[in-house]
C-alpha atoms as a PDB file:
ATOM      1  CA  MET A   1      -3.721 -24.884   5.071  1.00  0.00           C
ATOM      2  CA  SER A   2      -2.956 -21.767   2.881  1.00  0.00           C
ATOM      3  CA  ARG A   3       0.298 -19.896   3.461  1.00  0.00           C
ATOM      4  CA  PRO A   4       0.107 -16.074   4.902  1.00  0.00           C
ATOM      5  CA  ALA A   5       1.587 -14.744   1.907  1.00  0.00           C
ATOM      6  CA  GLU A   6       1.961 -16.136  -1.933  1.00  0.00           C
ATOM      7  CA  ALA A   7       3.732 -14.921  -4.889  1.00  0.00           C
ATOM      8  CA  SER A   8       1.319 -14.430  -7.692  1.00  0.00           C
ATOM      9  CA  ARG A   9       2.738 -15.525 -11.236  1.00  0.00           C
ATOM     10  CA  ARG A  10       4.221 -12.060 -11.753  1.00  0.00           C
ATOM     11  CA  LEU A  11       7.513 -11.040 -10.349  1.00  0.00           C
ATOM     12  CA  GLY A  12       7.243  -8.527  -7.534  1.00  0.00           C
ATOM     13  CA  ASP A  13       3.424  -8.995  -6.813  1.00  0.00           C
ATOM     14  CA  VAL A  14       2.426 -10.073  -3.489  1.00  0.00           C
ATOM     15  CA  VAL A  15      -1.072 -11.045  -2.685  1.00  0.00           C
ATOM     16  CA  VAL A  16      -2.366 -11.748   0.873  1.00  0.00           C
ATOM     17  CA  GLN A  17      -5.822 -12.982   1.575  1.00  0.00           C
ATOM     18  CA  GLY A  18      -6.958 -11.624  -1.883  1.00  0.00           C
ATOM     19  CA  GLU A  19      -5.548  -8.399  -1.561  1.00  0.00           C
ATOM     20  CA  ASP A  20      -2.624  -7.097  -4.069  1.00  0.00           C
ATOM     21  CA  LEU A  21      -0.044  -5.460  -1.672  1.00  0.00           C
ATOM     22  CA  GLY A  22       1.460  -3.170  -4.239  1.00  0.00           C
ATOM     23  CA  ARG A  23      -1.942  -1.972  -5.187  1.00  0.00           C
ATOM     24  CA  TRP A  24      -2.928  -1.367  -1.769  1.00  0.00           C
ATOM     25  CA  VAL A  25       0.309   0.733  -1.011  1.00  0.00           C
ATOM     26  CA  THR A  26      -0.174   2.802  -3.860  1.00  0.00           C
ATOM     27  CA  ALA A  27      -3.979   3.649  -3.147  1.00  0.00           C
ATOM     28  CA  GLN A  28      -2.750   4.660   0.664  1.00  0.00           C
ATOM     29  CA  ARG A  29      -0.106   7.077  -0.810  1.00  0.00           C
ATOM     30  CA  TYR A  30      -2.629   8.641  -3.256  1.00  0.00           C
ATOM     31  CA  GLY A  31      -5.399   8.893  -1.359  1.00  0.00           C
ATOM     32  CA  TRP A  32      -3.082  10.056   1.853  1.00  0.00           C
ATOM     33  CA  GLU A  33      -5.475  13.309   2.552  1.00  0.00           C
ATOM     34  CA  GLN A  34      -8.340  11.131   3.071  1.00  0.00           C
ATOM     35  CA  LEU A  35      -6.502   9.010   5.847  1.00  0.00           C
ATOM     36  CA  LEU A  36      -7.126   9.656   9.351  1.00  0.00           C
ATOM     37  CA  PRO A  37      -4.066  11.202  11.275  1.00  0.00           C
ATOM     38  CA  ALA A  38      -3.685   8.116  13.111  1.00  0.00           C
ATOM     39  CA  GLN A  39      -3.852   6.194  10.023  1.00  0.00           C
ATOM     40  CA  GLN A  40      -0.955   8.199   8.300  1.00  0.00           C
ATOM     41  CA  TRP A  41       0.976   7.945  11.521  1.00  0.00           C
ATOM     42  CA  ILE A  42       0.858   4.068  11.461  1.00  0.00           C
ATOM     43  CA  LEU A  43       1.820   3.801   7.798  1.00  0.00           C
ATOM     44  CA  GLU A  44       4.702   6.120   8.464  1.00  0.00           C
ATOM     45  CA  ASN A  45       6.521   4.676  11.275  1.00  0.00           C
ATOM     46  CA  THR A  46       5.394   1.290  10.465  1.00  0.00           C
ATOM     47  CA  LEU A  47       5.880   0.643   6.872  1.00  0.00           C
ATOM     48  CA  GLY A  48       7.814   3.977   5.937  1.00  0.00           C
ATOM     49  CA  LEU A  49       5.095   5.095   3.599  1.00  0.00           C
ATOM     50  CA  GLN A  50       4.337   8.857   2.698  1.00  0.00           C
ATOM     51  CA  ALA A  51       2.103  10.360   0.688  1.00  0.00           C
ATOM     52  CA  ALA A  52       2.706  10.435  -3.097  1.00  0.00           C
ATOM     53  CA  GLU A  53       4.553  13.575  -4.420  1.00  0.00           C
ATOM     54  CA  GLU A  54       2.283  15.982  -6.305  1.00  0.00           C
ATOM     55  CA  ASP A  55       3.837  15.574  -9.440  1.00  0.00           C
ATOM     56  CA  LYS A  56       3.536  11.892  -9.305  1.00  0.00           C
ATOM     57  CA  GLN A  57      -0.140  11.831  -8.451  1.00  0.00           C
ATOM     58  CA  PRO A  58      -2.205  10.814 -11.433  1.00  0.00           C
ATOM     59  CA  VAL A  59      -4.306  13.671 -12.851  1.00  0.00           C
END
């Protein structure tokens, strides 16, 4: 039986069902404008996420 979440070998990385949650969160923040309003609301109100600031987004 596998655990729901297990830490990878690097400190601070969390992988759930093969998905690196840190990378997923970063992708959601950088792709904020492509999300539907309902998706934005869920991320804001359940996880406290917001769009990445303009000056912090990759070029």
